[in-house]
Protein backbone atom coordinates (compact mmCIF):
# COMPACT_ATOMS: atom_id res chain seq x y z
CA MET A 1 120.55 163.58 121.96
CA PRO A 2 124.27 163.30 122.85
CA HIS A 3 125.31 160.46 125.15
CA SER A 4 127.43 161.58 128.09
CA VAL A 5 130.15 159.40 129.59
CA PRO A 6 128.67 158.38 132.98
CA SER A 7 130.33 160.01 135.98
CA SER A 8 129.31 160.09 139.61
CA SER A 9 132.12 162.38 140.73
CA ASN A 10 134.13 165.40 139.65
CA LYS A 11 136.60 163.20 137.82
CA PRO A 12 137.16 163.96 134.11
CA ARG A 13 135.11 162.02 131.57
CA VAL A 14 137.40 160.70 128.84
CA LEU A 15 136.50 159.82 125.25
CA ILE A 16 139.09 157.59 123.57
CA VAL A 17 138.90 157.31 119.80
CA GLY A 18 140.68 154.15 118.64
CA ALA A 19 140.96 150.71 120.22
CA GLY A 20 144.54 149.93 119.22
CA LEU A 21 147.23 148.93 121.70
CA GLY A 22 147.73 152.54 122.82
CA GLY A 23 144.02 153.21 123.25
CA LEU A 24 143.45 149.96 125.15
CA THR A 25 146.43 150.59 127.42
CA LEU A 26 145.12 154.04 128.31
CA ALA A 27 141.62 152.65 128.88
CA LEU A 28 142.91 149.92 131.17
CA LEU A 29 144.92 152.41 133.22
CA LEU A 30 141.96 154.78 133.52
CA LEU A 31 139.83 151.83 134.63
CA LYS A 32 142.39 151.04 137.33
CA GLY A 33 142.45 154.70 138.33
CA GLY A 34 138.68 155.03 138.62
CA ILE A 35 138.36 157.50 135.75
CA PRO A 36 135.15 157.28 133.65
CA PHE A 37 135.86 156.66 129.97
CA LEU A 38 134.43 155.37 126.71
CA ILE A 39 136.25 153.90 123.70
CA VAL A 40 134.81 154.38 120.22
CA GLU A 41 136.33 152.29 117.42
CA ARG A 42 135.53 152.56 113.71
CA ALA A 43 136.06 148.86 112.93
CA LYS A 44 133.20 146.36 113.05
CA GLU A 45 135.37 143.81 114.81
CA VAL A 46 138.95 143.45 115.90
CA ARG A 47 141.18 141.94 113.22
CA PRO A 48 144.41 140.40 114.54
CA LEU A 49 146.61 142.01 111.87
CA GLY A 50 150.34 142.39 112.25
CA SER A 51 153.03 140.03 113.36
CA ALA A 52 155.08 140.21 116.55
CA LEU A 53 156.40 142.69 119.08
CA SER A 54 159.58 142.83 121.14
CA LEU A 55 158.86 143.88 124.73
CA GLY A 56 160.65 143.45 128.02
CA ALA A 57 162.18 145.74 130.63
CA ASN A 58 160.52 148.81 129.11
CA LEU A 59 157.07 147.48 130.04
CA ALA A 60 157.63 144.83 132.74
CA ARG A 61 157.17 147.12 135.76
CA LEU A 62 153.89 148.48 134.44
CA LEU A 63 152.63 144.97 133.68
CA GLU A 64 153.54 143.88 137.21
CA GLN A 65 151.79 146.94 138.62
CA ILE A 66 148.51 146.11 136.86
CA GLY A 67 148.76 142.37 137.56
CA LEU A 68 149.46 141.14 134.01
CA LEU A 69 153.18 140.32 134.09
CA GLU A 70 152.80 136.56 134.52
CA GLU A 71 150.17 136.33 131.78
CA PHE A 72 152.44 138.35 129.50
CA LYS A 73 155.31 135.94 130.14
CA ALA A 74 152.98 133.03 129.37
CA ILE A 75 152.03 134.37 125.93
CA GLY A 76 155.54 135.55 125.07
CA LYS A 77 158.79 133.74 124.40
CA PRO A 78 162.14 135.15 125.55
CA TYR A 79 164.99 135.92 123.19
CA THR A 80 168.59 136.98 123.77
CA GLN A 81 169.90 137.75 120.29
CA VAL A 82 168.95 139.51 117.08
CA LYS A 83 170.72 137.88 114.15
CA THR A 84 171.17 139.58 110.79
CA LEU A 85 171.81 137.48 107.67
CA ASP A 86 172.44 138.30 104.03
CA GLY A 87 170.21 137.16 101.16
CA ASP A 88 171.97 133.77 101.06
CA LEU A 89 171.46 133.32 104.81
CA ASN A 90 175.10 133.91 105.74
CA SER A 91 175.66 135.68 109.06
CA LEU A 92 176.40 139.41 108.91
CA PHE A 93 176.29 140.31 112.60
CA THR A 94 174.51 139.51 115.86
CA MET A 95 173.25 141.82 118.59
CA ASP A 96 173.24 140.24 122.06
CA PHE A 97 170.63 141.43 124.57
CA THR A 98 171.38 139.14 127.52
CA GLY A 99 172.60 142.17 129.46
CA THR A 100 169.10 143.61 129.72
CA VAL A 101 168.21 141.02 132.37
CA ASP A 102 170.74 142.61 134.71
CA ILE A 103 170.22 146.22 133.64
CA GLY A 104 166.42 146.24 133.63
CA ASN A 105 165.60 143.13 135.68
CA SER A 106 163.65 141.57 132.80
CA LYS A 107 164.18 139.28 129.87
CA GLU A 108 163.24 140.47 126.40
CA TYR A 109 160.21 138.70 124.89
CA ILE A 110 158.73 138.20 121.46
CA VAL A 111 154.94 138.22 121.69
CA ALA A 112 152.38 137.89 118.92
CA ARG A 113 150.55 141.17 118.48
CA PRO A 114 147.10 139.47 118.48
CA ASP A 115 147.91 137.72 121.78
CA LEU A 116 149.04 140.94 123.45
CA TYR A 117 145.98 142.72 122.11
CA ASP A 118 143.68 139.99 123.39
CA MET A 119 145.27 140.15 126.84
CA LEU A 120 144.51 143.87 127.10
CA TRP A 121 141.09 143.58 125.45
CA ARG A 122 139.87 141.03 128.00
CA GLN A 123 140.57 143.39 130.90
CA ILE A 124 138.05 146.00 129.77
CA PRO A 125 134.29 145.46 130.27
CA ARG A 126 132.44 145.46 126.95
CA GLU A 127 130.16 148.32 127.96
CA TYR A 128 133.18 150.63 127.80
CA ILE A 129 133.86 149.86 124.11
CA LEU A 130 131.63 150.83 121.18
CA MET A 131 132.48 149.28 117.79
CA GLN A 132 131.49 150.58 114.34
CA LYS A 133 131.75 154.17 115.50
CA LYS A 134 133.50 156.19 112.82
CA VAL A 135 134.19 159.68 114.15
CA LEU A 136 133.47 162.38 111.58
CA SER A 137 133.95 165.52 113.65
CA PHE A 138 134.04 166.95 117.12
CA GLU A 139 133.24 170.22 118.84
CA GLN A 140 134.93 171.48 121.98
CA ASN A 141 134.23 174.47 124.20
CA ASP A 142 134.39 175.56 127.83
CA GLU A 143 131.66 173.07 128.77
CA GLY A 144 133.12 169.90 127.24
CA VAL A 145 133.81 168.06 124.00
CA THR A 146 131.29 166.30 121.74
CA ILE A 147 132.20 163.77 119.05
CA ARG A 148 129.89 163.01 116.13
CA CYS A 149 129.91 159.62 114.42
CA SER A 150 128.83 158.49 110.95
CA ASP A 151 125.71 156.80 112.39
CA ASN A 152 124.57 160.20 113.74
CA SER A 153 125.36 159.26 117.33
CA GLU A 154 127.06 161.82 119.59
CA TYR A 155 129.09 161.39 122.77
CA VAL A 156 130.10 164.00 125.32
CA GLY A 157 133.08 164.11 127.67
CA ASP A 158 135.64 166.43 129.25
CA ILE A 159 138.73 165.07 127.46
CA LEU A 160 139.08 163.67 123.93
CA VAL A 161 142.03 161.36 123.20
CA GLY A 162 142.89 160.65 119.58
CA ALA A 163 144.44 157.17 119.55
CA ASP A 164 143.16 156.43 116.07
CA GLY A 165 146.34 155.87 114.09
CA ALA A 166 148.43 157.59 111.46
CA TYR A 167 145.42 158.96 109.58
CA SER A 168 143.72 160.05 112.79
CA ALA A 169 140.30 161.64 112.29
CA VAL A 170 140.75 163.37 115.62
CA ARG A 171 144.04 164.91 114.51
CA GLN A 172 142.61 166.01 111.18
CA ASN A 173 139.68 167.75 112.86
CA LEU A 174 141.90 169.29 115.54
CA TYR A 175 144.30 170.63 112.93
CA LYS A 176 141.42 172.03 110.90
CA GLU A 177 140.24 173.90 113.98
CA LEU A 178 143.74 175.16 114.80
CA LYS A 179 144.37 176.21 111.21
CA LEU A 180 141.23 178.34 111.17
CA ALA A 181 142.46 179.96 114.38
CA LYS A 182 145.92 180.45 112.77
CA LYS A 183 147.49 178.31 115.51
CA LEU A 184 148.68 175.37 113.37
CA PRO A 185 152.40 175.39 112.51
CA ALA A 186 153.25 175.03 108.82
CA SER A 187 155.12 171.80 109.58
CA ASP A 188 151.83 170.12 110.53
CA ASP A 189 149.94 171.40 107.49
CA VAL A 190 151.50 168.95 105.03
CA PRO A 191 150.70 165.30 104.14
CA LEU A 192 152.47 162.45 105.90
CA PRO A 193 155.73 161.69 104.06
CA PHE A 194 155.63 158.28 102.39
CA SER A 195 158.51 156.02 103.40
CA CYS A 196 158.07 152.45 102.19
CA VAL A 197 155.62 149.59 101.78
CA CYS A 198 155.48 146.69 104.19
CA LEU A 199 153.92 143.25 103.82
CA VAL A 200 152.85 141.90 107.21
CA GLY A 201 151.23 138.72 108.39
CA GLN A 202 151.29 135.85 110.84
CA THR A 203 151.01 132.17 110.01
CA THR A 204 148.70 129.76 111.74
CA PRO A 205 150.36 127.65 114.49
CA GLN A 206 152.85 125.27 112.88
CA ASN A 207 154.22 121.81 113.67
CA PRO A 208 157.61 122.17 115.43
CA GLU A 209 158.74 119.05 113.57
CA ASP A 210 158.52 120.98 110.32
CA PHE A 211 160.05 124.16 111.75
CA PRO A 212 162.88 123.19 114.17
CA HIS A 213 163.29 126.77 115.41
CA LEU A 214 159.96 126.35 117.20
CA GLN A 215 161.47 123.60 119.34
CA LEU A 216 164.14 125.88 120.76
CA GLU A 217 163.82 127.33 124.26
CA LEU A 218 164.46 130.86 123.02
CA SER A 219 162.63 132.76 120.32
CA GLN A 220 164.66 133.23 117.15
CA PHE A 221 164.73 136.88 116.10
CA ILE A 222 166.30 136.96 112.64
CA THR A 223 166.54 139.69 110.02
CA VAL A 224 167.44 138.96 106.40
CA LEU A 225 168.94 141.78 104.34
CA GLY A 226 168.56 141.09 100.63
CA GLU A 227 171.14 142.16 98.07
CA ASN A 228 170.51 144.46 95.13
CA ASN A 229 166.75 144.66 95.49
CA THR A 230 164.26 147.06 96.96
CA TYR A 231 163.02 144.66 99.64
CA LYS A 232 164.16 143.83 103.12
CA PHE A 233 162.59 140.95 105.04
CA LEU A 234 162.20 140.98 108.81
CA THR A 235 160.93 138.02 110.80
CA LYS A 236 159.53 140.56 113.28
CA GLU A 237 157.18 143.36 112.31
CA THR A 238 155.33 146.00 114.30
CA SER A 239 153.27 148.04 111.85
CA LYS A 240 149.51 147.85 111.92
CA SER A 241 146.60 148.43 109.58
CA ASN A 242 145.30 151.94 109.15
CA ASP A 243 143.62 154.20 106.63
CA SER A 244 146.37 153.64 104.08
CA PHE A 245 143.91 151.11 102.61
CA ARG A 246 142.08 153.86 100.75
CA ASN A 247 141.97 152.29 97.29
CA SER A 248 142.75 149.12 95.38
CA GLU A 249 146.49 149.75 95.73
CA TRP A 250 146.23 148.83 99.41
CA GLY A 251 143.48 146.20 99.30
CA PRO A 252 143.72 142.38 99.47
CA GLU A 253 144.49 142.14 95.75
CA ALA A 254 147.53 144.38 96.17
CA ALA A 255 148.79 142.24 99.06
CA GLU A 256 148.42 139.15 96.86
CA VAL A 257 150.46 140.76 94.10
CA MET A 258 153.21 141.71 96.53
CA CYS A 259 153.22 138.18 97.96
CA LYS A 260 153.98 136.85 94.48
CA GLU A 261 156.81 139.34 94.04
CA VAL A 262 158.65 138.35 97.23
CA ARG A 263 157.77 134.69 97.76
CA HIS A 264 161.12 133.47 96.40
CA PHE A 265 163.15 135.30 99.09
CA LYS A 266 165.07 132.89 101.32
CA VAL A 267 164.42 132.66 105.05
CA PRO A 268 166.13 130.50 107.71
CA GLY A 269 164.63 127.73 109.81
CA GLY A 270 164.13 124.82 107.44
CA LYS A 271 164.06 121.18 108.55
CA ASP A 272 167.28 119.20 108.01
CA GLY A 273 168.97 122.13 106.32
CA GLN A 274 166.13 122.68 103.85
CA ILE A 275 165.98 126.16 102.36
CA LEU A 276 162.74 127.93 103.15
CA THR A 277 161.31 130.93 101.36
CA ILE A 278 158.84 133.61 102.33
CA GLY A 279 156.44 131.72 100.08
CA ASP A 280 156.49 128.80 102.53
CA LEU A 281 155.27 131.19 105.23
CA ILE A 282 152.75 132.93 102.98
CA ASP A 283 151.19 129.58 102.08
CA ARG A 284 150.64 128.93 105.79
CA THR A 285 149.00 132.30 106.43
CA PRO A 286 145.25 132.98 105.96
CA ASN A 287 144.64 135.66 103.32
CA ASP A 288 142.72 137.85 105.75
CA LEU A 289 145.77 138.01 108.02
CA ILE A 290 148.08 139.34 105.30
CA SER A 291 148.22 143.09 104.73
CA LYS A 292 150.12 145.45 102.50
CA VAL A 293 150.71 148.58 104.53
CA MET A 294 151.97 151.97 103.44
CA LEU A 295 154.43 153.29 105.99
CA GLU A 296 154.98 156.94 106.77
CA GLU A 297 157.38 158.57 109.19
CA LYS A 298 156.75 161.82 111.02
CA ILE A 299 156.74 163.39 114.44
CA PHE A 300 154.03 166.03 114.53
CA ASP A 301 154.71 169.27 116.36
CA THR A 302 151.14 169.66 117.62
CA TRP A 303 149.95 167.00 120.07
CA TYR A 304 147.06 168.80 121.75
CA GLY A 305 144.65 171.70 121.61
CA GLY A 306 141.84 172.65 123.98
CA ARG A 307 140.32 169.49 125.45
CA THR A 308 141.87 167.25 122.79
CA VAL A 309 145.14 165.32 122.97
CA LEU A 310 146.80 162.81 120.61
CA LEU A 311 148.52 159.52 121.38
CA GLY A 312 150.69 157.00 119.50
CA ASP A 313 150.67 156.98 115.70
CA ALA A 314 148.25 159.90 115.71
CA CYS A 315 151.10 162.21 116.78
CA HIS A 316 154.27 160.27 115.93
CA LYS A 317 154.56 157.63 113.20
CA LEU A 318 157.78 155.63 113.43
CA ASN A 319 159.35 153.27 110.92
CA PRO A 320 158.86 149.66 112.12
CA ALA A 321 162.56 148.87 111.67
CA GLY A 322 163.13 150.07 115.23
CA GLY A 323 160.27 148.03 116.64
CA ALA A 324 159.21 150.95 118.83
CA GLY A 325 155.80 151.98 117.49
CA ALA A 326 153.56 150.00 119.82
CA LEU A 327 155.81 150.46 122.85
CA SER A 328 155.94 154.20 122.26
CA ALA A 329 152.13 154.38 122.15
CA MET A 330 151.88 152.41 125.39
CA HIS A 331 154.42 154.71 127.06
CA ASP A 332 152.32 157.66 125.87
CA ALA A 333 149.34 156.07 127.59
CA ILE A 334 151.23 155.70 130.88
CA ALA A 335 152.32 159.35 130.99
CA LEU A 336 148.89 160.61 129.93
CA ALA A 337 147.08 158.39 132.45
CA ASN A 338 149.26 159.73 135.25
CA TRP A 339 148.18 163.28 134.51
CA ILE A 340 144.51 162.54 133.83
CA CYS A 341 144.22 160.66 137.13
CA ALA A 342 145.78 163.58 138.99
CA VAL A 343 144.06 166.50 137.27
CA GLN A 344 142.47 168.91 139.76
CA LYS A 345 140.01 170.69 137.45
CA THR A 346 138.58 170.06 133.99
CA ASP A 347 138.63 173.59 132.59
CA VAL A 348 140.55 174.10 129.35
CA PRO A 349 143.57 175.95 130.83
CA GLU A 350 144.12 173.16 133.37
CA LEU A 351 143.81 170.45 130.71
CA GLU A 352 146.20 172.20 128.34
CA LYS A 353 148.64 172.46 131.24
CA ILE A 354 148.70 168.69 131.81
CA PHE A 355 148.76 168.01 128.06
CA ARG A 356 151.84 170.22 127.85
CA GLU A 357 153.49 168.20 130.63
CA TYR A 358 152.70 164.99 128.73
CA TYR A 359 154.13 166.40 125.50
CA VAL A 360 157.35 167.68 127.11
CA GLU A 361 157.94 164.31 128.78
CA ARG A 362 157.30 162.13 125.77
CA LEU A 363 158.79 164.17 122.91
CA PRO A 364 162.52 163.53 123.63
CA SER A 365 161.91 159.78 123.88
CA VAL A 366 159.95 159.73 120.64
CA GLN A 367 162.66 161.73 118.89
CA ALA A 368 165.29 159.25 120.06
CA GLN A 369 163.18 156.30 118.89
CA PHE A 370 162.62 158.04 115.55
CA ALA A 371 166.38 158.41 115.05
CA THR A 372 167.05 154.80 116.03
CA SER A 373 164.33 153.52 113.71
CA ASN A 374 165.80 155.46 110.80
CA MET A 375 169.27 154.13 111.54
CA LEU A 376 168.04 150.53 111.60
CA LYS A 377 165.92 151.12 108.51
CA ASN A 378 169.02 152.11 106.56
CA VAL A 379 171.35 149.42 107.91
CA GLY A 380 170.90 147.33 104.75
CA GLY A 381 171.59 150.21 102.39
CA LYS A 382 174.55 150.94 100.13
CA THR A 383 175.47 154.30 101.66
CA ILE A 384 178.58 155.09 103.67
CA THR A 385 176.38 155.66 106.72
CA ALA A 386 174.85 152.19 106.36
CA ALA A 387 178.30 150.62 106.01
CA ILE A 388 179.54 152.40 109.12
CA THR A 389 176.44 151.31 111.05
CA ARG A 390 177.00 147.66 110.11
CA ALA A 391 180.67 147.93 111.09
CA VAL A 392 179.74 149.36 114.48
CA PHE A 393 177.29 146.51 115.12
CA LYS A 394 179.93 143.94 114.13
CA ARG A 395 182.80 145.35 116.18
CA SER A 396 181.24 147.12 119.16
CA PRO A 397 183.31 146.57 122.33
CA ALA A 398 181.47 145.16 125.32
CA TRP A 399 181.45 148.47 127.21
CA LEU A 400 179.90 150.33 124.27
CA TRP A 401 177.23 147.70 123.69
CA ARG A 402 176.33 147.75 127.39
CA LYS A 403 175.92 151.51 127.10
CA VAL A 404 173.57 150.97 124.15
CA MET A 405 171.52 148.42 126.10
CA THR A 406 171.41 150.69 129.15
CA LYS A 407 169.97 153.52 127.08
CA ARG A 408 167.57 151.14 125.33
CA THR A 409 166.11 149.90 128.63
CA SER A 410 166.32 153.16 130.59
CA GLU A 411 162.62 153.97 130.24
CA ARG A 412 160.71 151.71 132.62
CA PRO A 413 157.63 153.82 133.43
CA ILE A 414 154.84 153.07 135.89
CA VAL A 415 151.74 154.90 137.13
CA SER A 416 151.47 156.95 140.30
CA PHE A 417 147.90 156.04 141.30
CA LEU A 418 148.52 152.32 141.95
CA PRO A 419 150.84 150.67 144.51
CA LEU A 420 154.38 151.33 143.32
CA VAL A 421 156.60 148.54 142.02
CA GLU A 422 160.24 148.74 143.07
CA ASP A 423 162.72 148.79 140.21
CA GLN A 424 165.31 146.07 140.79
CA GLY A 425 167.48 146.69 137.74
CA SER A 426 171.20 147.27 138.27
CA VAL A 427 170.89 150.64 136.51
CA LYS A 428 168.34 153.17 137.72
CA PRO A 429 165.52 153.92 135.28
CA LYS A 430 165.30 157.27 133.55
CA TYR A 431 163.58 160.00 135.55
CA GLN A 432 159.84 159.91 134.87
CA PRO A 433 158.35 163.41 135.33
CA SER A 434 154.69 162.35 135.23
CA LEU A 435 155.29 159.78 137.97
CA HIS A 436 157.07 162.02 140.44
CA LYS A 437 155.02 165.16 139.81
CA THR A 438 151.69 163.39 140.15
CA LEU A 439 152.88 161.43 143.20
CA ALA A 440 153.38 164.82 144.85
CA ILE A 441 149.85 165.86 143.83
CA HIS A 442 148.33 162.69 145.29
CA GLU A 443 150.33 163.13 148.50
CA HIS A 444 149.12 166.72 148.81
CA LYS A 445 145.51 165.57 148.36
CA ARG A 446 145.91 162.94 151.07
CA ALA A 447 147.47 165.44 153.46
CA ALA A 448 144.69 167.96 152.82
CA ALA A 449 142.04 165.33 153.56
CA ILE A 450 143.40 164.60 157.04
């Protein structure tokens, strides 16, 4: 007997597959908006994989709106510069982000992914999250959508959101359905293009006496570009575990092998001028918090169909060099939540209409982030393009760099169904269609009720 998402009103019932940062953000916003929902997650328990995220003006207004800004600041540490060094730890160039405080009215912060995840996780009552629920298939029609899990359980709702990562089961089933109906573009009927392999992890808390950088007021965001090898080391990483772990090549043993291959690479931050290596960090990291991750890059052309819509890595997988993957998924959640909380009816034509609005709003931003990520990915290369990119970073005039920062912090989205938060940045945020269009819908509803 299928379980239906409880609902005591005509509001849409939402099934969210995947409890990553994007899925949790959407769930929290739906909770704030009074929309009934249920999260199903395939994992048995949450594993705090990954390293750190860079967040600031692009998310600060939303965090203030939902009452989490001060807690976010408490778990994060501000930074003002991104330094890039060569393999011998000599400075190549530095990017200064102090201007974002004025432009977007927020500092930039480095926050540990597990800490950010825990902050969001704690906001959602446990009865809204079901673990060990691997979705095998779903069926959608005019009446609703039903997901079927590997334990033979079934759940029914009005909207299905696939927030289940790069190898999304929801996307695969949706595309299978669309292909049978001859509605799937050829561009989406090919495997994800392999890009590179990334080794990610996070050490246990360390003694600041042994690592002087930890004593500094500001977080140290440093990238090391190695010479004449196939590796690049970043002190900040944003990729997360997914179904790339399909065989021994991506299991714990493979991560251990890769650790041995890179442990001699130099990293900054040693005590009294001591040279550190990645091995020093690996030795301070529990094995279960180290992952070898296969990275793909692709923006899918199909983000929705019928009652089903995709979010985050399920519809756009970005290279982590740009540090935009998690933020992009959270911005997806904001736009989608605006429309779900304003939807007038739950028939398929109405849902596809709001999904189209969501897609049109988010696609240009994702495309821009995709281009930026690729540029930063190649900055350590030997090509003419890479050399030009490094030269631009080294010699950018102040006016040009401010323009870059303005564009970088222009998206500062919020939701329309909670008290609005005034933007106090010196530069107006980018126009947010889902905010203004759904504000008009809510205002019309209020006027009609009088």
